[in-house]
PDB file of all heavy atoms in Angstrom:
ATOM      1  N   SER A   1      86.453 112.703 113.577  1.00  0.00           N
ATOM      2  CA  SER A   1      87.597 111.845 113.802  1.00  0.00           C
ATOM      3  C   SER A   1      88.676 112.391 112.771  1.00  0.00           C
ATOM      4  O   SER A   1      88.381 112.356 111.590  1.00  0.00           O
ATOM      5  CB  SER A   1      87.247 110.342 113.547  1.00  0.00           C
ATOM      6  OG  SER A   1      86.311 109.989 114.475  1.00  0.00           O
ATOM      7  N   LEU A   2      89.827 112.717 113.376  1.00  0.00           N
ATOM      8  CA  LEU A   2      90.849 113.245 112.494  1.00  0.00           C
ATOM      9  C   LEU A   2      92.149 112.479 112.722  1.00  0.00           C
ATOM     10  O   LEU A   2      92.411 111.946 113.818  1.00  0.00           O
ATOM     11  CB  LEU A   2      91.083 114.717 112.866  1.00  0.00           C
ATOM     12  CG  LEU A   2      89.894 115.683 112.768  1.00  0.00           C
ATOM     13  CD1 LEU A   2      89.422 115.988 114.162  1.00  0.00           C
ATOM     14  CD2 LEU A   2      90.257 116.898 112.007  1.00  0.00           C
ATOM     15  N   LYS A   3      92.995 112.501 111.708  1.00  0.00           N
ATOM     16  CA  LYS A   3      94.353 112.030 111.781  1.00  0.00           C
ATOM     17  C   LYS A   3      95.134 113.303 111.578  1.00  0.00           C
ATOM     18  O   LYS A   3      95.126 113.921 110.474  1.00  0.00           O
ATOM     19  CB  LYS A   3      94.626 111.001 110.815  1.00  0.00           C
ATOM     20  CG  LYS A   3      93.944 109.680 111.162  1.00  0.00           C
ATOM     21  CD  LYS A   3      94.460 108.532 110.301  1.00  0.00           C
ATOM     22  CE  LYS A   3      93.699 107.185 110.642  1.00  0.00           C
ATOM     23  NZ  LYS A   3      93.863 106.727 111.910  1.00  0.00           N
ATOM     24  N   LEU A   4      96.036 113.660 112.601  1.00  0.00           N
ATOM     25  CA  LEU A   4      96.744 114.940 112.496  1.00  0.00           C
ATOM     26  C   LEU A   4      98.243 114.631 112.601  1.00  0.00           C
ATOM     27  O   LEU A   4      98.675 113.782 113.388  1.00  0.00           O
ATOM     28  CB  LEU A   4      96.391 115.887 113.664  1.00  0.00           C
ATOM     29  CG  LEU A   4      94.941 116.241 113.727  1.00  0.00           C
ATOM     30  CD1 LEU A   4      94.655 117.230 114.992  1.00  0.00           C
ATOM     31  CD2 LEU A   4      94.319 116.810 112.526  1.00  0.00           C
ATOM     32  N   GLU A   5      99.022 115.346 111.845  1.00  0.00           N
ATOM     33  CA  GLU A   5     100.498 115.260 111.850  1.00  0.00           C
ATOM     34  C   GLU A   5     100.956 115.692 113.307  1.00  0.00           C
ATOM     35  O   GLU A   5     100.335 116.622 113.801  1.00  0.00           O
ATOM     36  CB  GLU A   5     101.174 116.087 110.878  1.00  0.00           C
ATOM     37  CG  GLU A   5     101.116 115.532 109.473  1.00  0.00           C
ATOM     38  CD  GLU A   5     101.819 116.557 108.420  1.00  0.00           C
ATOM     39  OE1 GLU A   5     102.400 117.525 108.820  1.00  0.00           O
ATOM     40  OE2 GLU A   5     101.729 116.100 107.223  1.00  0.00           O
ATOM     41  N   ASP A   6     101.954 115.131 113.762  1.00  0.00           N
ATOM     42  CA  ASP A   6     102.497 115.527 115.139  1.00  0.00           C
ATOM     43  C   ASP A   6     103.400 116.691 114.909  1.00  0.00           C
ATOM     44  O   ASP A   6     104.608 116.663 114.927  1.00  0.00           O
ATOM     45  CB  ASP A   6     103.255 114.381 115.670  1.00  0.00           C
ATOM     46  CG  ASP A   6     103.881 114.675 117.099  1.00  0.00           C
ATOM     47  OD1 ASP A   6     103.329 115.601 117.704  1.00  0.00           O
ATOM     48  OD2 ASP A   6     104.785 113.991 117.493  1.00  0.00           O
ATOM     49  N   THR A   7     102.746 117.794 114.549  1.00  0.00           N
ATOM     50  CA  THR A   7     103.390 119.099 114.254  1.00  0.00           C
ATOM     51  C   THR A   7     102.765 120.220 115.197  1.00  0.00           C
ATOM     52  O   THR A   7     101.530 120.259 115.286  1.00  0.00           O
ATOM     53  CB  THR A   7     103.297 119.478 112.841  1.00  0.00           C
ATOM     54  OG1 THR A   7     103.799 118.403 112.044  1.00  0.00           O
ATOM     55  CG2 THR A   7     104.067 120.726 112.494  1.00  0.00           C
ATOM     56  N   LYS A   8     103.604 121.054 115.738  1.00  0.00           N
ATOM     57  CA  LYS A   8     103.021 122.111 116.654  1.00  0.00           C
ATOM     58  C   LYS A   8     102.030 123.027 115.903  1.00  0.00           C
ATOM     59  O   LYS A   8     102.302 123.417 114.718  1.00  0.00           O
ATOM     60  CB  LYS A   8     104.235 122.985 117.105  1.00  0.00           C
ATOM     61  CG  LYS A   8     103.782 124.063 118.046  1.00  0.00           C
ATOM     62  CD  LYS A   8     104.873 124.806 118.788  1.00  0.00           C
ATOM     63  CE  LYS A   8     106.122 125.210 118.079  1.00  0.00           C
ATOM     64  NZ  LYS A   8     106.974 126.022 118.807  1.00  0.00           N
ATOM     65  N   GLY A   9     100.843 123.238 116.515  1.00  0.00           N
ATOM     66  CA  GLY A   9      99.935 124.099 115.929  1.00  0.00           C
ATOM     67  C   GLY A   9      98.829 123.511 115.083  1.00  0.00           C
ATOM     68  O   GLY A   9      97.851 124.199 114.738  1.00  0.00           O
ATOM     69  N   VAL A  10      98.922 122.222 114.792  1.00  0.00           N
ATOM     70  CA  VAL A  10      97.884 121.611 113.834  1.00  0.00           C
ATOM     71  C   VAL A  10      96.514 121.583 114.535  1.00  0.00           C
ATOM     72  O   VAL A  10      95.518 122.027 113.998  1.00  0.00           O
ATOM     73  CB  VAL A  10      98.387 120.127 113.404  1.00  0.00           C
ATOM     74  CG1 VAL A  10      97.210 119.592 112.562  1.00  0.00           C
ATOM     75  CG2 VAL A  10      99.602 120.286 112.595  1.00  0.00           C
ATOM     76  N   LEU A  11      96.423 121.071 115.781  1.00  0.00           N
ATOM     77  CA  LEU A  11      95.173 120.959 116.473  1.00  0.00           C
ATOM     78  C   LEU A  11      94.598 122.393 116.699  1.00  0.00           C
ATOM     79  O   LEU A  11      93.418 122.575 116.581  1.00  0.00           O
ATOM     80  CB  LEU A  11      95.373 120.202 117.835  1.00  0.00           C
ATOM     81  CG  LEU A  11      94.086 120.075 118.681  1.00  0.00           C
ATOM     82  CD1 LEU A  11      92.940 119.298 117.816  1.00  0.00           C
ATOM     83  CD2 LEU A  11      94.344 119.305 119.912  1.00  0.00           C
ATOM     84  N   SER A  12      95.465 123.329 117.071  1.00  0.00           N
ATOM     85  CA  SER A  12      95.064 124.648 117.221  1.00  0.00           C
ATOM     86  C   SER A  12      94.434 125.263 115.879  1.00  0.00           C
ATOM     87  O   SER A  12      93.406 125.962 115.977  1.00  0.00           O
ATOM     88  CB  SER A  12      96.194 125.577 117.625  1.00  0.00           C
ATOM     89  OG  SER A  12      95.805 126.898 117.804  1.00  0.00           O
ATOM     90  N   ALA A  13      95.015 124.999 114.842  1.00  0.00           N
ATOM     91  CA  ALA A  13      94.442 125.377 113.508  1.00  0.00           C
ATOM     92  C   ALA A  13      93.070 124.778 113.229  1.00  0.00           C
ATOM     93  O   ALA A  13      92.212 125.460 112.691  1.00  0.00           O
ATOM     94  CB  ALA A  13      95.506 125.076 112.405  1.00  0.00           C
ATOM     95  N   VAL A  14      92.915 123.476 113.603  1.00  0.00           N
ATOM     96  CA  VAL A  14      91.686 122.806 113.440  1.00  0.00           C
ATOM     97  C   VAL A  14      90.619 123.473 114.285  1.00  0.00           C
ATOM     98  O   VAL A  14      89.530 123.802 113.812  1.00  0.00           O
ATOM     99  CB  VAL A  14      91.838 121.306 113.798  1.00  0.00           C
ATOM    100  CG1 VAL A  14      90.361 120.641 113.878  1.00  0.00           C
ATOM    101  CG2 VAL A  14      92.612 120.586 112.754  1.00  0.00           C
ATOM    102  N   THR A  15      90.901 123.691 115.554  1.00  0.00           N
ATOM    103  CA  THR A  15      89.888 124.358 116.460  1.00  0.00           C
ATOM    104  C   THR A  15      89.568 125.763 116.024  1.00  0.00           C
ATOM    105  O   THR A  15      88.451 126.202 116.174  1.00  0.00           O
ATOM    106  CB  THR A  15      90.325 124.286 117.972  1.00  0.00           C
ATOM    107  OG1 THR A  15      91.591 124.918 118.087  1.00  0.00           O
ATOM    108  CG2 THR A  15      90.377 122.860 118.440  1.00  0.00           C
ATOM    109  N   ASN A  16      90.547 126.495 115.508  1.00  0.00           N
ATOM    110  CA  ASN A  16      90.357 127.853 114.916  1.00  0.00           C
ATOM    111  C   ASN A  16      89.342 127.802 113.790  1.00  0.00           C
ATOM    112  O   ASN A  16      88.422 128.558 113.672  1.00  0.00           O
ATOM    113  CB  ASN A  16      91.675 128.504 114.499  1.00  0.00           C
ATOM    114  CG  ASN A  16      91.384 129.949 114.158  1.00  0.00           C
ATOM    115  OD1 ASN A  16      90.921 130.726 114.946  1.00  0.00           O
ATOM    116  ND2 ASN A  16      91.780 130.290 112.884  1.00  0.00           N
ATOM    117  N   GLU A  17      89.504 126.803 112.850  1.00  0.00           N
ATOM    118  CA  GLU A  17      88.559 126.658 111.748  1.00  0.00           C
ATOM    119  C   GLU A  17      87.140 126.387 112.236  1.00  0.00           C
ATOM    120  O   GLU A  17      86.126 126.932 111.791  1.00  0.00           O
ATOM    121  CB  GLU A  17      89.041 125.556 110.792  1.00  0.00           C
ATOM    122  CG  GLU A  17      90.097 125.845 109.855  1.00  0.00           C
ATOM    123  CD  GLU A  17      89.738 126.914 108.866  1.00  0.00           C
ATOM    124  OE1 GLU A  17      88.642 127.000 108.370  1.00  0.00           O
ATOM    125  OE2 GLU A  17      90.636 127.777 108.532  1.00  0.00           O
ATOM    126  N   LEU A  18      87.031 125.537 113.285  1.00  0.00           N
ATOM    127  CA  LEU A  18      85.747 125.222 113.798  1.00  0.00           C
ATOM    128  C   LEU A  18      85.114 126.493 114.413  1.00  0.00           C
ATOM    129  O   LEU A  18      83.882 126.778 114.315  1.00  0.00           O
ATOM    130  CB  LEU A  18      85.842 124.146 114.880  1.00  0.00           C
ATOM    131  CG  LEU A  18      86.236 122.795 114.474  1.00  0.00           C
ATOM    132  CD1 LEU A  18      86.588 121.774 115.532  1.00  0.00           C
ATOM    133  CD2 LEU A  18      85.218 122.188 113.420  1.00  0.00           C
ATOM    134  N   PHE A  19      85.947 127.290 115.129  1.00  0.00           N
ATOM    135  CA  PHE A  19      85.475 128.544 115.697  1.00  0.00           C
ATOM    136  C   PHE A  19      84.997 129.510 114.632  1.00  0.00           C
ATOM    137  O   PHE A  19      83.871 130.101 114.709  1.00  0.00           O
ATOM    138  CB  PHE A  19      86.612 129.211 116.518  1.00  0.00           C
ATOM    139  CG  PHE A  19      86.281 130.672 116.886  1.00  0.00           C
ATOM    140  CD1 PHE A  19      85.409 130.914 117.936  1.00  0.00           C
ATOM    141  CD2 PHE A  19      86.915 131.754 116.172  1.00  0.00           C
ATOM    142  CE1 PHE A  19      85.144 132.322 118.292  1.00  0.00           C
ATOM    143  CE2 PHE A  19      86.550 132.987 116.517  1.00  0.00           C
ATOM    144  CZ  PHE A  19      85.714 133.286 117.612  1.00  0.00           C
ATOM    145  N   MET A  20      85.743 129.518 113.571  1.00  0.00           N
ATOM    146  CA  MET A  20      85.427 130.490 112.395  1.00  0.00           C
ATOM    147  C   MET A  20      84.047 130.075 111.729  1.00  0.00           C
ATOM    148  O   MET A  20      83.418 131.067 111.218  1.00  0.00           O
ATOM    149  CB  MET A  20      86.578 130.488 111.360  1.00  0.00           C
ATOM    150  CG  MET A  20      87.852 130.934 111.872  1.00  0.00           C
ATOM    151  SD  MET A  20      87.766 132.660 112.553  1.00  0.00           S
ATOM    152  CE  MET A  20      87.613 133.579 111.055  1.00  0.00           C
ATOM    153  N   VAL A  21      83.661 128.882 111.808  1.00  0.00           N
ATOM    154  CA  VAL A  21      82.429 128.499 111.115  1.00  0.00           C
ATOM    155  C   VAL A  21      81.246 128.333 112.120  1.00  0.00           C
ATOM    156  O   VAL A  21      80.162 127.959 111.840  1.00  0.00           O
ATOM    157  CB  VAL A  21      82.492 127.185 110.388  1.00  0.00           C
ATOM    158  CG1 VAL A  21      83.518 127.369 109.206  1.00  0.00           C
ATOM    159  CG2 VAL A  21      82.790 126.017 111.138  1.00  0.00           C
ATOM    160  N   GLY A  22      81.566 128.685 113.389  1.00  0.00           N
ATOM    161  CA  GLY A  22      80.495 128.720 114.453  1.00  0.00           C
ATOM    162  C   GLY A  22      80.191 127.402 115.100  1.00  0.00           C
ATOM    163  O   GLY A  22      79.231 127.280 115.880  1.00  0.00           O
ATOM    164  N   ALA A  23      81.153 126.429 115.020  1.00  0.00           N
ATOM    165  CA  ALA A  23      81.009 125.219 115.779  1.00  0.00           C
ATOM    166  C   ALA A  23      81.494 125.415 117.170  1.00  0.00           C
ATOM    167  O   ALA A  23      82.394 126.186 117.388  1.00  0.00           O
ATOM    168  CB  ALA A  23      81.773 124.119 115.156  1.00  0.00           C
ATOM    169  N   ASN A  24      80.859 124.824 118.180  1.00  0.00           N
ATOM    170  CA  ASN A  24      81.329 124.907 119.594  1.00  0.00           C
ATOM    171  C   ASN A  24      81.900 123.552 119.995  1.00  0.00           C
ATOM    172  O   ASN A  24      81.245 122.579 120.119  1.00  0.00           O
ATOM    173  CB  ASN A  24      80.087 125.219 120.388  1.00  0.00           C
ATOM    174  CG  ASN A  24      80.462 125.513 121.895  1.00  0.00           C
ATOM    175  OD1 ASN A  24      81.563 125.642 122.241  1.00  0.00           O
ATOM    176  ND2 ASN A  24      79.442 125.309 122.745  1.00  0.00           N
ATOM    177  N   VAL A  25      83.149 123.557 120.246  1.00  0.00           N
ATOM    178  CA  VAL A  25      83.845 122.387 120.675  1.00  0.00           C
ATOM    179  C   VAL A  25      83.567 122.050 122.153  1.00  0.00           C
ATOM    180  O   VAL A  25      83.651 122.854 123.025  1.00  0.00           O
ATOM    181  CB  VAL A  25      85.416 122.471 120.509  1.00  0.00           C
ATOM    182  CG1 VAL A  25      86.146 121.207 121.095  1.00  0.00           C
ATOM    183  CG2 VAL A  25      85.759 122.736 119.085  1.00  0.00           C
ATOM    184  N   LEU A  26      83.065 120.820 122.337  1.00  0.00           N
ATOM    185  CA  LEU A  26      82.605 120.377 123.641  1.00  0.00           C
ATOM    186  C   LEU A  26      83.635 119.491 124.294  1.00  0.00           C
ATOM    187  O   LEU A  26      83.835 119.494 125.552  1.00  0.00           O
ATOM    188  CB  LEU A  26      81.262 119.566 123.561  1.00  0.00           C
ATOM    189  CG  LEU A  26      80.086 120.361 122.944  1.00  0.00           C
ATOM    190  CD1 LEU A  26      78.930 119.483 122.757  1.00  0.00           C
ATOM    191  CD2 LEU A  26      79.738 121.578 123.828  1.00  0.00           C
ATOM    192  N   SER A  27      84.365 118.669 123.569  1.00  0.00           N
ATOM    193  CA  SER A  27      85.354 117.769 124.115  1.00  0.00           C
ATOM    194  C   SER A  27      86.383 117.493 122.990  1.00  0.00           C
ATOM    195  O   SER A  27      86.079 117.379 121.862  1.00  0.00           O
ATOM    196  CB  SER A  27      84.861 116.499 124.649  1.00  0.00           C
ATOM    197  OG  SER A  27      84.340 115.637 123.645  1.00  0.00           O
ATOM    198  N   ILE A  28      87.647 117.110 123.478  1.00  0.00           N
ATOM    199  CA  ILE A  28      88.736 116.799 122.632  1.00  0.00           C
ATOM    200  C   ILE A  28      89.384 115.582 123.273  1.00  0.00           C
ATOM    201  O   ILE A  28      89.727 115.617 124.429  1.00  0.00           O
ATOM    202  CB  ILE A  28      89.762 117.934 122.341  1.00  0.00           C
ATOM    203  CG1 ILE A  28      89.084 119.105 121.782  1.00  0.00           C
ATOM    204  CG2 ILE A  28      90.893 117.419 121.589  1.00  0.00           C
ATOM    205  CD1 ILE A  28      90.022 120.380 121.722  1.00  0.00           C
ATOM    206  N   ASN A  29      89.637 114.596 122.484  1.00  0.00           N
ATOM    207  CA  ASN A  29      90.381 113.415 122.981  1.00  0.00           C
ATOM    208  C   ASN A  29      91.456 113.152 121.891  1.00  0.00           C
ATOM    209  O   ASN A  29      91.190 112.832 120.756  1.00  0.00           O
ATOM    210  CB  ASN A  29      89.470 112.237 123.073  1.00  0.00           C
ATOM    211  CG  ASN A  29      90.169 111.052 123.610  1.00  0.00           C
ATOM    212  OD1 ASN A  29      91.262 111.189 124.197  1.00  0.00           O
ATOM    213  ND2 ASN A  29      89.596 109.797 123.482  1.00  0.00           N
ATOM    214  N   GLN A  30      92.741 113.213 122.362  1.00  0.00           N
ATOM    215  CA  GLN A  30      93.900 112.984 121.513  1.00  0.00           C
ATOM    216  C   GLN A  30      94.713 111.841 121.953  1.00  0.00           C
ATOM    217  O   GLN A  30      95.145 111.927 123.092  1.00  0.00           O
ATOM    218  CB  GLN A  30      94.664 114.241 121.366  1.00  0.00           C
ATOM    219  CG  GLN A  30      95.843 114.120 120.454  1.00  0.00           C
ATOM    220  CD  GLN A  30      96.694 115.435 120.201  1.00  0.00           C
ATOM    221  OE1 GLN A  30      96.153 116.508 120.598  1.00  0.00           O
ATOM    222  NE2 GLN A  30      97.900 115.280 119.652  1.00  0.00           N
TER     223      GLN A  30
END
């Protein structure tokens, strides 16, 4: 559960971090 600033690219940066550590994103609800 995250609170993200309404700024372009923030969610993308989060999912990139998850990818970099080997997590597999199954669903996103914003």
